[in-house]
C-alpha cells in the first residue's frame, strides 16, 4: 500500500531541495528529474519482480500439492 502511494505521487518521494544547488537550477532540476525517474523505475521493477515471484511460489505450492495428493 505504501509502495503504491509512493508510486502514485512522485512529488512526495522526489521533493527535496538543496540551497547550494539553487544557483544551478536547470542542472539541478534535470538531475532531480533523472534521479526521480530512475528511483521510480527501480521501485516499479522491484514491485513487478516481487509479484511475479509470489505467483511462481503459489504455482510451485499448487504443483507440489497436486503431486502429493492421491488419485
Protein backbone atom coordinates (compact mmCIF):
# COMPACT_ATOMS: atom_id res chain seq x y z
CA UNK A 1 0.00 0.00 0.00
CA UNK A 2 2.79 2.38 0.91
CA UNK A 3 4.68 1.43 -2.25
CA UNK A 4 1.64 2.19 -4.37
CA UNK A 5 1.20 5.52 -2.58
CA UNK A 6 4.80 6.44 -3.33
CA UNK A 7 4.46 5.39 -6.95
CA UNK A 8 1.23 7.32 -7.41
CA UNK A 9 2.67 10.55 -6.02
CA UNK A 10 6.25 11.14 -7.19
CA UNK A 11 6.19 14.68 -5.81
CA UNK A 12 6.32 13.25 -2.29
CA UNK A 13 9.22 10.91 -2.95
CA UNK A 14 11.15 13.41 -5.04
CA UNK A 15 10.55 16.59 -3.11
CA UNK A 16 13.89 17.68 -1.77
CA UNK A 17 15.76 20.94 -2.02
CA UNK A 18 19.40 21.88 -1.71
CA UNK A 19 20.01 25.61 -1.26
CA UNK A 20 23.53 25.39 -2.69
CA UNK A 21 22.20 23.89 -5.91
CA UNK A 22 19.71 26.71 -6.43
CA UNK A 23 22.44 28.58 -8.32
CA UNK A 24 22.48 25.77 -10.86
CA UNK A 25 18.72 25.43 -11.10
CA UNK A 26 18.45 23.94 -14.64
CA UNK A 27 21.14 21.35 -13.92
CA UNK A 28 19.65 20.64 -10.51
CA UNK A 29 16.16 20.29 -11.98
CA UNK A 30 17.43 17.88 -14.64
CA UNK A 31 19.34 15.82 -12.06
CA UNK A 32 16.33 15.72 -9.77
CA UNK A 33 14.10 14.52 -12.60
CA UNK A 34 16.66 11.88 -13.60
CA UNK A 35 17.09 10.63 -10.05
CA UNK A 36 13.32 10.51 -9.53
CA UNK A 37 12.68 8.65 -12.77
CA UNK A 38 15.42 6.11 -12.02
CA UNK A 39 14.10 5.68 -8.48
CA UNK A 40 10.51 5.19 -9.65
CA UNK A 41 11.60 2.78 -12.37
CA UNK A 42 13.64 0.82 -9.82
CA UNK A 43 10.68 0.64 -7.45
CA UNK A 44 8.41 -0.45 -10.31
CA UNK A 45 10.82 -3.24 -11.30
CA UNK A 46 11.10 -4.35 -7.67
CA UNK A 47 7.31 -4.49 -7.29
CA UNK A 48 6.80 -6.39 -10.57
CA UNK A 49 9.57 -8.84 -9.64
CA UNK A 50 8.06 -9.46 -6.21
CA UNK A 51 4.59 -10.02 -7.69
CA UNK A 52 5.94 -12.47 -10.29
CA UNK A 53 7.97 -14.28 -7.62
CA UNK A 54 4.90 -14.54 -5.41
CA UNK A 55 2.85 -16.01 -8.27
CA UNK A 56 5.59 -18.52 -9.07
CA UNK A 57 5.74 -19.60 -5.41
CA UNK A 58 1.97 -20.15 -5.41
CA UNK A 59 2.25 -22.22 -8.60
CA UNK A 60 5.06 -24.29 -7.07
CA UNK A 61 2.95 -24.96 -3.98
CA UNK A 62 -0.02 -25.97 -6.12
CA UNK A 63 2.16 -28.30 -8.21
CA UNK A 64 3.55 -29.90 -5.06
CA UNK A 65 0.01 -30.31 -3.75
CA UNK A 66 -1.09 -31.99 -6.97
CA UNK A 67 1.87 -34.38 -6.85
CA UNK A 68 1.27 -35.49 -3.28
CA UNK A 69 -2.50 -35.95 -3.45
CA UNK A 70 -3.60 -39.49 -4.27
CA UNK A 71 -5.68 -40.04 -7.34
